[in-house]
N, C-alpha and C. Protein backbone atom coordinates (compact mmCIF):
# COMPACT_ATOMS: atom_id res chain seq x y z
N UNK A 1 21.10 225.71 137.03
CA UNK A 1 21.73 226.15 138.26
C UNK A 1 22.89 225.23 138.63
N UNK A 2 22.65 223.92 138.58
CA UNK A 2 23.71 222.97 138.92
C UNK A 2 24.83 223.07 137.89
N UNK A 3 24.46 223.25 136.63
CA UNK A 3 25.47 223.34 135.59
C UNK A 3 26.40 224.53 135.83
N UNK A 4 25.86 225.64 136.33
CA UNK A 4 26.72 226.80 136.58
C UNK A 4 27.69 226.53 137.72
N UNK A 5 27.28 225.74 138.72
CA UNK A 5 28.19 225.37 139.81
C UNK A 5 29.29 224.44 139.32
N UNK A 6 28.91 223.50 138.45
CA UNK A 6 29.90 222.57 137.89
C UNK A 6 30.90 223.33 137.05
N UNK A 7 30.42 224.24 136.22
CA UNK A 7 31.32 225.04 135.39
C UNK A 7 32.21 225.94 136.23
N UNK A 8 31.71 226.41 137.35
CA UNK A 8 32.52 227.25 138.23
C UNK A 8 33.64 226.46 138.87
N UNK A 9 33.41 225.18 139.14
CA UNK A 9 34.43 224.34 139.78
C UNK A 9 35.38 223.70 138.78
N UNK A 10 35.05 223.71 137.50
CA UNK A 10 35.87 223.07 136.49
C UNK A 10 37.32 223.55 136.47
N UNK A 11 37.59 224.85 136.55
CA UNK A 11 39.00 225.28 136.54
C UNK A 11 39.80 224.71 137.71
N UNK A 12 39.17 224.55 138.88
CA UNK A 12 39.88 223.99 140.03
C UNK A 12 40.19 222.51 139.83
N UNK A 13 39.26 221.80 139.22
CA UNK A 13 39.48 220.39 138.93
C UNK A 13 40.61 220.22 137.91
N UNK A 14 40.62 221.06 136.90
CA UNK A 14 41.68 220.99 135.90
C UNK A 14 43.03 221.35 136.51
N UNK A 15 43.06 222.31 137.41
CA UNK A 15 44.32 222.67 138.08
C UNK A 15 44.83 221.52 138.93
N UNK A 16 43.94 220.80 139.57
CA UNK A 16 44.35 219.64 140.39
C UNK A 16 44.92 218.55 139.50
N UNK A 17 44.30 218.31 138.35
CA UNK A 17 44.82 217.31 137.42
C UNK A 17 46.16 217.73 136.86
N UNK A 18 46.35 219.01 136.65
CA UNK A 18 47.62 219.51 136.11
C UNK A 18 48.75 219.35 137.09
N UNK A 19 48.45 219.08 138.35
CA UNK A 19 49.49 218.92 139.35
C UNK A 19 50.10 217.55 139.38
N UNK A 20 49.81 216.67 138.40
CA UNK A 20 50.38 215.34 138.43
C UNK A 20 51.87 215.39 138.13
N UNK A 21 52.55 214.27 138.34
CA UNK A 21 54.00 214.22 138.25
C UNK A 21 54.53 214.48 136.85
N UNK A 22 53.73 214.25 135.81
CA UNK A 22 54.24 214.45 134.46
C UNK A 22 54.51 215.92 134.18
N UNK A 23 53.90 216.83 134.93
CA UNK A 23 54.16 218.24 134.73
C UNK A 23 55.51 218.64 135.27
N UNK A 24 56.16 217.78 136.06
CA UNK A 24 57.49 218.07 136.55
C UNK A 24 58.54 217.89 135.46
N UNK A 25 58.18 217.28 134.38
CA UNK A 25 59.13 216.99 133.30
C UNK A 25 59.01 218.06 132.23
N UNK A 26 59.81 219.10 132.37
CA UNK A 26 59.74 220.18 131.39
C UNK A 26 60.78 220.02 130.28
N UNK A 27 61.64 219.00 130.35
CA UNK A 27 62.63 218.79 129.29
C UNK A 27 62.55 217.40 128.68
N UNK A 28 61.64 216.59 129.13
CA UNK A 28 61.53 215.24 128.60
C UNK A 28 60.24 214.60 129.05
N UNK A 29 60.26 213.29 129.19
CA UNK A 29 59.04 212.59 129.57
C UNK A 29 59.24 211.79 130.85
N UNK A 30 58.13 211.55 131.53
CA UNK A 30 58.17 210.79 132.78
C UNK A 30 58.27 209.31 132.45
N UNK A 31 59.14 208.63 133.17
CA UNK A 31 59.38 207.21 132.96
C UNK A 31 59.38 206.47 134.30
N UNK A 32 59.12 205.17 134.24
CA UNK A 32 59.30 204.27 135.37
C UNK A 32 60.47 203.38 135.02
N UNK A 33 61.53 203.44 135.81
CA UNK A 33 62.73 202.66 135.53
C UNK A 33 62.94 201.60 136.59
N UNK A 34 63.40 200.45 136.17
CA UNK A 34 63.67 199.37 137.12
C UNK A 34 64.83 199.72 138.04
N UNK A 35 65.74 200.57 137.57
CA UNK A 35 66.81 201.09 138.42
C UNK A 35 67.40 202.33 137.78
N UNK A 36 68.15 203.08 138.56
CA UNK A 36 68.90 204.22 138.04
C UNK A 36 70.32 204.11 138.53
N UNK A 37 71.23 204.66 137.75
CA UNK A 37 72.64 204.67 138.10
C UNK A 37 73.22 206.02 137.75
N UNK A 38 74.29 206.39 138.44
CA UNK A 38 75.02 207.57 138.02
C UNK A 38 75.75 207.21 136.72
N UNK A 39 76.19 208.22 136.01
CA UNK A 39 76.93 207.97 134.77
C UNK A 39 78.19 207.15 135.07
N UNK A 40 78.85 207.45 136.19
CA UNK A 40 80.06 206.72 136.56
C UNK A 40 79.75 205.25 136.84
N UNK A 41 78.64 204.98 137.54
CA UNK A 41 78.25 203.59 137.80
C UNK A 41 77.93 202.86 136.50
N UNK A 42 77.24 203.55 135.59
CA UNK A 42 76.89 202.95 134.31
C UNK A 42 78.14 202.66 133.48
N UNK A 43 79.14 203.51 133.61
CA UNK A 43 80.41 203.29 132.91
C UNK A 43 81.12 202.07 133.50
N UNK A 44 81.18 202.00 134.84
CA UNK A 44 81.88 200.90 135.51
C UNK A 44 81.19 199.56 135.28
N UNK A 45 79.86 199.55 135.24
CA UNK A 45 79.14 198.29 135.06
C UNK A 45 79.13 197.81 133.61
N UNK A 46 79.57 198.65 132.69
CA UNK A 46 79.57 198.28 131.28
C UNK A 46 78.28 198.63 130.56
N UNK A 47 77.33 199.25 131.27
CA UNK A 47 76.05 199.60 130.66
C UNK A 47 76.22 200.59 129.51
N UNK A 48 77.02 201.62 129.73
CA UNK A 48 77.21 202.60 128.66
C UNK A 48 77.84 201.94 127.43
N UNK A 49 78.81 201.07 127.66
CA UNK A 49 79.47 200.39 126.55
C UNK A 49 78.49 199.52 125.78
N UNK A 50 77.59 198.84 126.50
CA UNK A 50 76.60 197.98 125.83
C UNK A 50 75.62 198.79 125.01
N UNK A 51 75.50 200.07 125.33
CA UNK A 51 74.61 200.96 124.56
C UNK A 51 75.38 201.73 123.49
N UNK A 52 76.69 201.47 123.40
CA UNK A 52 77.50 202.18 122.42
C UNK A 52 77.82 203.60 122.83
N UNK A 53 77.87 203.85 124.13
CA UNK A 53 78.11 205.19 124.65
C UNK A 53 79.36 205.22 125.53
N UNK A 54 79.81 206.42 125.79
CA UNK A 54 80.88 206.64 126.76
C UNK A 54 80.56 207.91 127.54
N UNK A 55 81.28 208.11 128.62
CA UNK A 55 81.10 209.33 129.40
C UNK A 55 81.41 210.55 128.53
N UNK A 56 82.41 210.42 127.66
CA UNK A 56 82.77 211.53 126.76
C UNK A 56 81.62 211.86 125.82
N UNK A 57 80.90 210.84 125.33
CA UNK A 57 79.74 211.08 124.45
C UNK A 57 78.68 211.90 125.17
N UNK A 58 78.41 211.52 126.42
CA UNK A 58 77.38 212.23 127.20
C UNK A 58 77.82 213.65 127.50
N UNK A 59 79.09 213.82 127.86
CA UNK A 59 79.61 215.16 128.13
C UNK A 59 79.53 216.04 126.89
N UNK A 60 79.92 215.47 125.73
CA UNK A 60 79.91 216.23 124.48
C UNK A 60 78.49 216.66 124.10
N UNK A 61 77.51 215.82 124.43
CA UNK A 61 76.12 216.14 124.11
C UNK A 61 75.48 217.03 125.18
N UNK A 62 76.21 217.29 126.27
CA UNK A 62 75.65 218.12 127.34
C UNK A 62 74.60 217.41 128.16
N UNK A 63 74.63 216.08 128.17
CA UNK A 63 73.64 215.29 128.90
C UNK A 63 74.14 215.04 130.31
N UNK A 64 73.35 215.42 131.29
CA UNK A 64 73.69 215.21 132.68
C UNK A 64 72.57 214.43 133.35
N UNK A 65 72.81 214.00 134.57
CA UNK A 65 71.78 213.31 135.33
C UNK A 65 72.05 211.83 135.42
N UNK A 66 71.03 211.10 135.79
CA UNK A 66 71.13 209.66 136.01
C UNK A 66 70.90 208.89 134.71
N UNK A 67 71.28 207.63 134.74
CA UNK A 67 71.00 206.71 133.65
C UNK A 67 69.89 205.79 134.14
N UNK A 68 68.75 205.81 133.49
CA UNK A 68 67.63 204.95 133.84
C UNK A 68 67.74 203.64 133.09
N UNK A 69 67.56 202.53 133.80
CA UNK A 69 67.71 201.20 133.19
C UNK A 69 66.33 200.54 133.07
N UNK A 70 66.05 200.01 131.88
CA UNK A 70 64.80 199.30 131.59
C UNK A 70 63.59 200.14 131.97
N UNK A 71 63.41 201.23 131.26
CA UNK A 71 62.35 202.20 131.56
C UNK A 71 61.14 202.02 130.65
N UNK A 72 59.99 202.41 131.18
CA UNK A 72 58.75 202.44 130.41
C UNK A 72 58.05 203.75 130.72
N UNK A 73 57.16 204.20 129.85
CA UNK A 73 56.47 205.47 130.09
C UNK A 73 55.66 205.45 131.39
N UNK A 74 55.66 206.56 132.09
CA UNK A 74 54.87 206.71 133.31
C UNK A 74 53.48 207.16 132.92
N UNK A 75 52.47 206.45 133.38
CA UNK A 75 51.09 206.79 133.10
C UNK A 75 50.37 207.00 134.41
N UNK A 76 49.96 208.26 134.69
CA UNK A 76 49.29 208.55 135.95
C UNK A 76 47.84 208.93 135.76
N UNK A 77 47.36 208.97 134.54
CA UNK A 77 45.99 209.38 134.28
C UNK A 77 45.04 208.30 134.78
N UNK A 78 44.19 208.64 135.71
CA UNK A 78 43.18 207.73 136.20
C UNK A 78 43.63 206.78 137.27
N UNK A 79 44.92 206.81 137.64
CA UNK A 79 45.40 205.93 138.70
C UNK A 79 46.23 206.74 139.68
N UNK A 80 46.43 206.19 140.86
CA UNK A 80 47.18 206.90 141.89
C UNK A 80 48.64 207.07 141.56
N UNK A 81 49.22 206.10 140.91
CA UNK A 81 50.61 206.21 140.48
C UNK A 81 50.77 205.33 139.26
N UNK A 82 51.86 205.50 138.56
CA UNK A 82 52.04 204.73 137.36
C UNK A 82 53.16 203.72 137.44
N UNK A 83 53.99 203.77 138.47
CA UNK A 83 55.12 202.86 138.58
C UNK A 83 54.79 201.70 139.51
N UNK A 84 55.39 200.56 139.22
CA UNK A 84 55.30 199.43 140.13
C UNK A 84 56.09 199.77 141.39
N UNK A 85 55.87 199.04 142.45
CA UNK A 85 56.55 199.32 143.72
C UNK A 85 58.06 199.23 143.60
N UNK A 86 58.56 198.39 142.70
CA UNK A 86 60.00 198.22 142.57
C UNK A 86 60.62 199.14 141.53
N UNK A 87 59.85 200.06 140.95
CA UNK A 87 60.36 200.97 139.93
C UNK A 87 60.54 202.36 140.49
N UNK A 88 61.40 203.14 139.83
CA UNK A 88 61.68 204.50 140.24
C UNK A 88 61.10 205.47 139.21
N UNK A 89 60.29 206.45 139.67
CA UNK A 89 59.78 207.46 138.74
C UNK A 89 60.86 208.51 138.47
N UNK A 90 61.15 208.74 137.20
CA UNK A 90 62.16 209.71 136.80
C UNK A 90 61.67 210.49 135.60
N UNK A 91 62.27 211.62 135.38
CA UNK A 91 62.02 212.43 134.19
C UNK A 91 63.27 212.33 133.33
N UNK A 92 63.14 211.84 132.10
CA UNK A 92 64.29 211.64 131.23
C UNK A 92 64.18 212.53 130.00
N UNK A 93 65.33 212.88 129.46
CA UNK A 93 65.38 213.78 128.32
C UNK A 93 65.19 213.06 126.98
N UNK A 94 64.51 211.92 127.01
CA UNK A 94 64.16 211.16 125.81
C UNK A 94 65.36 210.72 124.99
N UNK A 95 66.44 210.38 125.66
CA UNK A 95 67.61 209.81 125.01
C UNK A 95 67.66 208.34 125.36
N UNK A 96 67.07 207.50 124.51
CA UNK A 96 66.99 206.06 124.75
C UNK A 96 68.00 205.35 123.86
N UNK A 97 68.72 204.39 124.43
CA UNK A 97 69.74 203.68 123.68
C UNK A 97 69.52 202.18 123.77
N UNK A 98 69.38 201.55 122.61
CA UNK A 98 69.20 200.10 122.47
C UNK A 98 68.04 199.56 123.30
N UNK A 99 67.09 200.40 123.66
CA UNK A 99 65.96 199.96 124.46
C UNK A 99 66.33 199.57 125.87
N UNK A 100 67.58 199.81 126.26
CA UNK A 100 68.07 199.40 127.57
C UNK A 100 68.12 200.57 128.54
N UNK A 101 68.66 201.69 128.08
CA UNK A 101 68.94 202.79 129.00
C UNK A 101 68.39 204.11 128.48
N UNK A 102 67.93 204.92 129.40
CA UNK A 102 67.57 206.31 129.15
C UNK A 102 68.60 207.16 129.88
N UNK A 103 69.13 208.17 129.23
CA UNK A 103 70.11 209.03 129.88
C UNK A 103 69.51 210.41 130.10
N UNK A 104 70.13 211.15 130.99
CA UNK A 104 69.64 212.48 131.32
C UNK A 104 68.39 212.44 132.18
N UNK A 105 68.35 211.53 133.14
CA UNK A 105 67.17 211.35 134.00
C UNK A 105 67.36 212.04 135.35
N UNK A 106 66.25 212.49 135.92
CA UNK A 106 66.27 213.03 137.27
C UNK A 106 65.03 212.53 138.01
N UNK A 107 65.15 212.27 139.32
CA UNK A 107 64.01 211.74 140.09
C UNK A 107 62.84 212.72 140.12
N UNK A 108 61.62 212.18 140.16
CA UNK A 108 60.43 213.01 140.34
C UNK A 108 59.63 212.46 141.50
N UNK A 109 58.80 213.30 142.06
CA UNK A 109 57.96 212.92 143.18
C UNK A 109 56.55 212.68 142.66
N UNK A 110 56.07 211.45 142.72
CA UNK A 110 54.72 211.14 142.24
C UNK A 110 53.68 211.31 143.32
N UNK A 111 54.08 211.69 144.52
CA UNK A 111 53.15 211.84 145.63
C UNK A 111 52.79 213.28 145.90
N UNK A 112 52.68 214.08 144.85
CA UNK A 112 52.33 215.50 145.03
C UNK A 112 50.87 215.66 145.26
């Protein structure tokens, strides 16, 4: 009897888990970045150059969005959030350069 109640509630529990922030990333993966910059800011600061990139490279590849700096994978399984307080949760299109920058990032809301 109890097992049938647990099985009846299982789809709702799975739906709640599916609502985590990683499901917002339909074109890449969720990351925690120490900072984000616009492409123009990354160009002005020399970040793109240090990664061997230019604005023209990003435009030619059709990559838009923010540039995430010093990013690590976002892990929300089993914890309330995956980013440190000083990090920004973003969804990036998995374009990592020299381990420094991720391009094609957009902010995500981890408080859903």
